């Protein structure tokens, strides 16, 4: 896994604007930029790059989806 991560980070650092969150587009870009003798290794590197960009995109979006919960005030029973 270290080899996949190292290769992916080299590609991301060298060509940061070429990749996106689209797996198929990243696979085509990587095939144009580098020569992989093993298709499985290329696919693992592309998968890592795609996950990396999806994580970055998720971190960049504001987390407004989680609304703060407001505790409801409970009424005490009236004394009799």
Protein backbone atom coordinates (compact mmCIF):
# COMPACT_ATOMS: atom_id res chain seq x y z
CA UNK A 1 0.00 0.00 0.00
CA UNK A 2 2.89 2.36 0.62
CA UNK A 3 3.93 2.05 -3.02
CA UNK A 4 0.43 2.96 -4.21
CA UNK A 5 0.24 5.93 -1.84
CA UNK A 6 3.72 7.14 -2.83
CA UNK A 7 3.01 6.92 -6.56
CA UNK A 8 -0.37 8.60 -6.17
CA UNK A 9 1.06 11.47 -4.11
CA UNK A 10 3.84 11.98 -6.65
CA UNK A 11 1.22 12.33 -9.39
CA UNK A 12 -1.00 14.60 -7.27
CA UNK A 13 1.92 16.86 -6.33
CA UNK A 14 3.29 16.93 -9.86
CA UNK A 15 -0.03 17.51 -11.65
CA UNK A 16 -2.54 18.87 -9.10
CA UNK A 17 -4.93 20.38 -11.66
CA UNK A 18 -5.15 17.32 -13.93
CA UNK A 19 -7.12 15.08 -11.55
CA UNK A 20 -10.70 15.25 -10.25
CA UNK A 21 -13.27 13.13 -8.41
CA UNK A 22 -14.11 11.17 -11.59
CA UNK A 23 -12.44 7.73 -11.63
CA UNK A 24 -12.63 7.16 -15.39
CA UNK A 25 -11.25 10.61 -16.21
CA UNK A 26 -8.41 10.09 -13.72
CA UNK A 27 -7.62 6.72 -15.29
CA UNK A 28 -7.30 8.32 -18.72
CA UNK A 29 -5.13 11.18 -17.38
CA UNK A 30 -2.86 8.77 -15.53
CA UNK A 31 -2.49 6.57 -18.61
CA UNK A 32 -1.37 9.66 -20.55
CA UNK A 33 1.08 10.78 -17.84
CA UNK A 34 2.71 7.52 -16.80
CA UNK A 35 3.38 4.02 -18.10
CA UNK A 36 2.18 1.17 -15.91
CA UNK A 37 3.06 -2.38 -16.89
CA UNK A 38 0.50 -3.81 -14.49
CA UNK A 39 -3.09 -2.72 -14.96
CA UNK A 40 -4.00 -3.57 -11.36
CA UNK A 41 -1.36 -1.21 -9.98
CA UNK A 42 -2.60 1.60 -12.23
CA UNK A 43 -6.17 1.04 -11.05
CA UNK A 44 -5.10 1.10 -7.39
CA UNK A 45 -3.23 4.38 -7.91
CA UNK A 46 -6.23 5.88 -9.74
CA UNK A 47 -8.53 4.73 -6.95
CA UNK A 48 -6.31 6.34 -4.32
CA UNK A 49 -6.16 9.61 -6.30
CA UNK A 50 -9.95 9.63 -6.71
CA UNK A 51 -10.54 8.98 -2.99
CA UNK A 52 -8.02 11.70 -2.12
CA UNK A 53 -9.83 14.28 -4.22
CA UNK A 54 -13.25 13.22 -2.90
CA UNK A 55 -11.99 13.64 0.69
CA UNK A 56 -10.58 17.08 -0.13
CA UNK A 57 -13.88 18.10 -1.71
CA UNK A 58 -15.85 16.87 1.30
CA UNK A 59 -13.58 18.79 3.70
CA UNK A 60 -13.97 21.98 1.65
CA UNK A 61 -17.78 21.92 1.89
CA UNK A 62 -19.30 23.50 4.99
CA UNK A 63 -20.86 21.08 7.38
CA UNK A 64 -24.27 22.75 7.52
CA UNK A 65 -25.96 19.41 7.04
CA UNK A 66 -25.77 18.69 10.75
CA UNK A 67 -28.21 20.98 12.51
CA UNK A 68 -27.59 21.58 16.19
CA UNK A 69 -30.19 19.94 18.36
CA UNK A 70 -32.05 22.24 20.68
CA UNK A 71 -33.13 20.69 23.96
CA UNK A 72 -36.85 21.08 24.44
CA UNK A 73 -37.98 22.53 27.74
CA UNK A 74 -40.20 20.18 29.63
CA UNK A 75 -42.99 21.60 31.69
CA UNK A 76 -43.04 20.58 35.30
CA UNK A 77 -46.36 19.19 36.47
CA UNK A 78 -48.47 21.79 38.25
CA UNK A 79 -48.69 21.30 42.01
CA UNK A 80 -52.13 20.18 43.14
